[in-house]
């Protein structure tokens, strides 16, 4: 049987195109995921204060590792981008001194 060569016989989800966009927070315990990811990030920052800027944290179970390039994930791993861990700052809020609110 001759193959056409134009189309693969099967497709691997996520292999073509870009990585999935964002976390599916409705499918996970987001509080626990962010807590574990921040713990891994802060541990890295304590041990390597002059280290490079990571792009995120990969979680596998209760363990996390800081990554510096887009990871290829195993089925039981979850990638948490750094902007979700540090919080987003706009140009307007990044340089502004925040004073306590009067209640």
N, C-alpha and C. Protein backbone atom coordinates (compact mmCIF):
# COMPACT_ATOMS: atom_id res chain seq x y z
N UNK A 1 0.84 -1.17 0.00
CA UNK A 1 0.00 0.00 0.00
C UNK A 1 0.89 1.24 0.00
N UNK A 2 0.68 2.13 -0.90
CA UNK A 2 1.48 3.35 -1.01
C UNK A 2 0.90 4.42 -0.10
N UNK A 3 1.78 5.13 0.59
CA UNK A 3 1.30 6.21 1.45
C UNK A 3 1.28 7.51 0.66
N UNK A 4 0.38 8.38 1.05
CA UNK A 4 0.25 9.66 0.36
C UNK A 4 1.35 10.62 0.76
N UNK A 5 1.88 10.52 1.98
CA UNK A 5 2.95 11.39 2.44
C UNK A 5 2.48 12.77 2.84
N UNK A 6 1.26 13.14 2.51
CA UNK A 6 0.76 14.46 2.83
C UNK A 6 0.17 14.53 4.24
N UNK A 7 -0.44 13.47 4.70
CA UNK A 7 -1.11 13.46 6.00
C UNK A 7 -0.59 12.30 6.83
N UNK A 8 -0.35 12.53 8.12
CA UNK A 8 0.09 11.42 8.97
C UNK A 8 -1.06 10.44 9.20
N UNK A 9 -0.71 9.20 9.54
CA UNK A 9 -1.73 8.20 9.79
C UNK A 9 -2.39 8.41 11.15
N UNK A 10 -1.75 9.16 12.03
CA UNK A 10 -2.34 9.50 13.32
C UNK A 10 -1.77 10.84 13.76
N UNK A 11 -2.40 11.44 14.77
CA UNK A 11 -1.97 12.75 15.23
C UNK A 11 -1.77 12.71 16.74
N UNK A 12 -0.69 13.28 17.21
CA UNK A 12 -0.42 13.37 18.63
C UNK A 12 -0.90 14.74 19.10
N UNK A 13 -1.83 14.71 20.04
CA UNK A 13 -2.41 15.96 20.53
C UNK A 13 -1.33 16.84 21.13
N UNK A 14 -1.25 18.09 20.70
CA UNK A 14 -0.27 19.04 21.20
C UNK A 14 1.06 19.00 20.50
N UNK A 15 1.29 18.00 19.63
CA UNK A 15 2.57 17.91 18.94
C UNK A 15 2.70 18.98 17.87
N UNK A 16 1.62 19.31 17.21
CA UNK A 16 1.64 20.36 16.20
C UNK A 16 1.10 21.63 16.83
N UNK A 17 1.63 22.75 16.44
CA UNK A 17 1.15 24.02 16.96
C UNK A 17 1.74 24.32 18.32
N UNK A 18 1.11 25.21 19.03
CA UNK A 18 1.64 25.65 20.32
C UNK A 18 1.11 24.79 21.46
N UNK A 19 1.70 25.02 22.61
CA UNK A 19 1.30 24.30 23.81
C UNK A 19 -0.10 24.75 24.22
N UNK A 20 -0.80 23.95 25.01
CA UNK A 20 -2.12 24.35 25.48
C UNK A 20 -2.06 25.68 26.21
N UNK A 21 -3.05 26.50 26.00
CA UNK A 21 -3.02 27.84 26.59
C UNK A 21 -3.58 27.82 28.00
N UNK A 22 -2.72 28.03 28.97
CA UNK A 22 -3.14 28.20 30.35
C UNK A 22 -3.53 26.92 31.07
N UNK A 23 -3.72 27.08 32.36
CA UNK A 23 -4.14 25.98 33.20
C UNK A 23 -5.64 25.83 33.14
N UNK A 24 -6.12 24.61 33.26
CA UNK A 24 -7.55 24.36 33.40
C UNK A 24 -7.86 24.39 34.88
N UNK A 25 -8.10 25.59 35.42
CA UNK A 25 -8.30 25.75 36.85
C UNK A 25 -9.58 25.10 37.34
N UNK A 26 -10.51 24.80 36.43
CA UNK A 26 -11.74 24.13 36.84
C UNK A 26 -11.54 22.63 37.05
N UNK A 27 -10.41 22.09 36.63
CA UNK A 27 -10.16 20.66 36.75
C UNK A 27 -9.19 20.31 37.87
N UNK A 28 -8.63 21.31 38.54
CA UNK A 28 -7.63 21.06 39.57
C UNK A 28 -7.94 21.88 40.81
N UNK A 29 -7.28 21.56 41.90
CA UNK A 29 -7.35 22.36 43.11
C UNK A 29 -6.32 23.48 42.94
N UNK A 30 -6.75 24.60 42.40
CA UNK A 30 -5.81 25.67 42.04
C UNK A 30 -5.06 26.23 43.24
N UNK A 31 -5.68 26.27 44.40
CA UNK A 31 -5.00 26.77 45.58
C UNK A 31 -3.79 25.89 45.90
N UNK A 32 -3.96 24.58 45.85
CA UNK A 32 -2.86 23.68 46.13
C UNK A 32 -1.79 23.75 45.04
N UNK A 33 -2.19 23.85 43.78
CA UNK A 33 -1.24 23.94 42.67
C UNK A 33 -0.38 25.18 42.80
N UNK A 34 -1.00 26.33 43.05
CA UNK A 34 -0.23 27.57 43.19
C UNK A 34 0.66 27.53 44.43
N UNK A 35 0.18 26.95 45.52
CA UNK A 35 0.98 26.85 46.73
C UNK A 35 2.23 26.00 46.48
N UNK A 36 2.08 24.85 45.83
CA UNK A 36 3.22 23.99 45.54
C UNK A 36 4.19 24.65 44.56
N UNK A 37 3.65 25.31 43.54
CA UNK A 37 4.50 25.96 42.54
C UNK A 37 5.26 27.13 43.15
N UNK A 38 4.61 27.93 43.98
CA UNK A 38 5.29 29.04 44.64
C UNK A 38 6.37 28.55 45.59
N UNK A 39 6.09 27.45 46.28
CA UNK A 39 7.09 26.88 47.19
C UNK A 39 8.34 26.47 46.41
N UNK A 40 8.16 25.83 45.25
CA UNK A 40 9.30 25.44 44.42
C UNK A 40 10.05 26.67 43.91
N UNK A 41 9.31 27.70 43.49
CA UNK A 41 9.93 28.93 42.99
C UNK A 41 10.72 29.64 44.11
N UNK A 42 10.13 29.78 45.29
CA UNK A 42 10.81 30.45 46.39
C UNK A 42 12.02 29.65 46.85
N UNK A 43 11.92 28.34 46.84
CA UNK A 43 13.07 27.49 47.19
C UNK A 43 14.22 27.75 46.22
N UNK A 44 13.90 27.83 44.93
CA UNK A 44 14.92 28.13 43.91
C UNK A 44 15.52 29.51 44.16
N UNK A 45 14.68 30.50 44.43
CA UNK A 45 15.16 31.87 44.64
C UNK A 45 16.05 31.97 45.88
N UNK A 46 15.76 31.18 46.92
CA UNK A 46 16.60 31.17 48.12
C UNK A 46 17.97 30.55 47.85
N UNK A 47 17.98 29.46 47.13
CA UNK A 47 19.22 28.72 46.89
C UNK A 47 20.06 29.33 45.77
N UNK A 48 19.44 29.99 44.81
CA UNK A 48 20.16 30.56 43.65
C UNK A 48 19.73 32.01 43.44
N UNK A 49 20.10 32.92 44.33
CA UNK A 49 19.63 34.30 44.19
C UNK A 49 20.11 35.00 42.92
N UNK A 50 21.22 34.56 42.36
CA UNK A 50 21.73 35.17 41.14
C UNK A 50 21.46 34.31 39.91
N UNK A 51 20.59 33.32 40.06
CA UNK A 51 20.27 32.41 38.96
C UNK A 51 19.45 33.09 37.88
N UNK A 52 19.24 32.39 36.79
CA UNK A 52 18.47 32.92 35.67
C UNK A 52 17.00 33.07 35.99
N UNK A 53 16.29 33.73 35.10
CA UNK A 53 14.84 33.93 35.27
C UNK A 53 14.09 32.74 34.69
N UNK A 54 13.37 32.00 35.54
CA UNK A 54 12.61 30.85 35.05
C UNK A 54 11.35 31.30 34.31
N UNK A 55 10.83 30.41 33.45
CA UNK A 55 9.57 30.71 32.76
C UNK A 55 8.38 30.08 33.46
N UNK A 56 8.66 29.20 34.43
CA UNK A 56 7.58 28.57 35.15
C UNK A 56 8.05 27.42 36.01
N UNK A 57 7.08 26.69 36.53
CA UNK A 57 7.33 25.55 37.39
C UNK A 57 6.56 24.36 36.85
N UNK A 58 7.20 23.20 36.84
CA UNK A 58 6.54 21.96 36.47
C UNK A 58 6.28 21.18 37.75
N UNK A 59 5.02 20.81 37.95
CA UNK A 59 4.63 20.04 39.13
C UNK A 59 4.38 18.60 38.75
N UNK A 60 4.87 17.71 39.61
CA UNK A 60 4.57 16.29 39.46
C UNK A 60 4.25 15.79 40.86
N UNK A 61 2.99 15.55 41.11
CA UNK A 61 2.57 15.16 42.46
C UNK A 61 2.76 16.31 43.42
N UNK A 62 3.49 16.06 44.50
CA UNK A 62 3.76 17.09 45.51
C UNK A 62 5.10 17.78 45.32
N UNK A 63 5.78 17.49 44.21
CA UNK A 63 7.10 18.07 43.96
C UNK A 63 7.04 19.01 42.76
N UNK A 64 7.90 20.02 42.80
CA UNK A 64 7.96 20.97 41.70
C UNK A 64 9.40 21.25 41.30
N UNK A 65 9.58 21.61 40.04
CA UNK A 65 10.91 22.00 39.58
C UNK A 65 10.78 23.24 38.70
N UNK A 66 11.72 24.13 38.84
CA UNK A 66 11.76 25.37 38.07
C UNK A 66 12.32 25.05 36.68
N UNK A 67 11.69 25.62 35.64
CA UNK A 67 12.15 25.38 34.27
C UNK A 67 12.47 26.70 33.58
N UNK A 68 13.40 26.64 32.64
CA UNK A 68 13.89 27.84 31.96
C UNK A 68 13.57 27.85 30.48
N UNK A 69 12.99 26.77 29.97
CA UNK A 69 12.52 26.71 28.59
C UNK A 69 11.25 25.88 28.57
N UNK A 70 10.48 26.03 27.51
CA UNK A 70 9.18 25.36 27.43
C UNK A 70 9.36 23.85 27.60
N UNK A 71 8.74 23.26 28.63
CA UNK A 71 8.95 21.84 28.90
C UNK A 71 8.06 20.95 28.04
N UNK A 72 8.51 19.72 27.89
CA UNK A 72 7.68 18.65 27.32
C UNK A 72 7.19 17.87 28.53
N UNK A 73 5.89 17.88 28.73
CA UNK A 73 5.31 17.33 29.95
C UNK A 73 4.95 15.86 29.83
N UNK A 74 5.14 15.15 30.91
CA UNK A 74 4.63 13.80 31.04
C UNK A 74 3.15 13.88 31.38
N UNK A 75 2.41 12.80 31.21
CA UNK A 75 0.95 12.86 31.46
C UNK A 75 0.56 13.30 32.87
N UNK A 76 1.39 13.03 33.87
CA UNK A 76 1.04 13.39 35.24
C UNK A 76 1.68 14.70 35.70
N UNK A 77 2.22 15.49 34.78
CA UNK A 77 2.85 16.77 35.12
C UNK A 77 1.96 17.94 34.71
N UNK A 78 2.14 19.05 35.41
CA UNK A 78 1.38 20.28 35.15
C UNK A 78 2.36 21.44 35.11
N UNK A 79 2.27 22.28 34.07
CA UNK A 79 3.12 23.45 33.94
C UNK A 79 2.37 24.68 34.44
N UNK A 80 3.02 25.44 35.32
CA UNK A 80 2.46 26.68 35.85
C UNK A 80 3.36 27.81 35.37
N UNK A 81 2.87 28.70 34.49
CA UNK A 81 3.69 29.81 33.99
C UNK A 81 4.05 30.79 35.10
N UNK A 82 5.19 31.42 34.95
CA UNK A 82 5.70 32.33 35.99
C UNK A 82 4.78 33.53 36.20
N UNK A 83 4.10 34.00 35.16
CA UNK A 83 3.24 35.18 35.34
C UNK A 83 2.06 34.87 36.25
N UNK A 84 1.65 33.62 36.36
CA UNK A 84 0.58 33.27 37.29
C UNK A 84 1.08 33.18 38.72
N UNK A 85 2.37 32.95 38.89
CA UNK A 85 2.94 32.84 40.23
C UNK A 85 3.35 34.19 40.80
N UNK A 86 3.88 35.04 39.98
CA UNK A 86 4.34 36.35 40.43
C UNK A 86 3.23 37.39 40.42
N UNK A 87 2.19 37.16 39.68
CA UNK A 87 1.14 38.14 39.52
C UNK A 87 1.47 39.05 38.36
N UNK A 88 0.49 39.56 37.73
CA UNK A 88 0.73 40.43 36.58
C UNK A 88 0.79 41.88 37.04
N UNK A 89 1.77 42.59 36.53
CA UNK A 89 1.90 44.01 36.83
C UNK A 89 1.84 44.78 35.52
N UNK A 90 1.02 45.77 35.50
CA UNK A 90 0.99 46.65 34.34
C UNK A 90 2.01 47.75 34.55
N UNK A 91 2.32 48.48 33.52
CA UNK A 91 3.28 49.58 33.62
C UNK A 91 2.79 50.62 34.62
N UNK A 92 1.49 50.79 34.70
CA UNK A 92 0.93 51.79 35.59
C UNK A 92 1.06 51.38 37.07
N UNK A 93 0.91 50.09 37.37
CA UNK A 93 0.96 49.66 38.77
C UNK A 93 2.34 49.24 39.22
N UNK A 94 3.25 48.96 38.30
CA UNK A 94 4.57 48.47 38.68
C UNK A 94 5.38 49.51 39.43
N UNK A 95 5.26 50.76 39.09
CA UNK A 95 6.07 51.81 39.69
C UNK A 95 5.33 52.63 40.74
N UNK A 96 4.14 52.23 41.06
CA UNK A 96 3.33 53.01 41.99
C UNK A 96 3.51 52.50 43.42
N UNK A 97 3.72 53.42 44.34
CA UNK A 97 3.80 53.06 45.75
C UNK A 97 2.39 52.86 46.26
N UNK A 98 2.15 51.76 46.90
CA UNK A 98 0.81 51.49 47.42
C UNK A 98 0.75 51.86 48.89
N UNK A 99 -0.18 52.69 49.22
CA UNK A 99 -0.38 53.10 50.60
C UNK A 99 -1.51 52.27 51.20
N UNK A 100 -1.48 52.04 52.51
CA UNK A 100 -2.57 51.27 53.14
C UNK A 100 -3.89 52.00 52.99
N UNK A 101 -4.93 51.22 52.83
CA UNK A 101 -6.27 51.80 52.72
C UNK A 101 -6.83 52.16 54.10
N UNK A 102 -7.52 53.26 54.17
CA UNK A 102 -8.21 53.65 55.40
C UNK A 102 -9.57 52.98 55.40
N UNK A 103 -9.89 52.34 56.47
CA UNK A 103 -11.18 51.62 56.53
C UNK A 103 -12.13 52.32 57.44
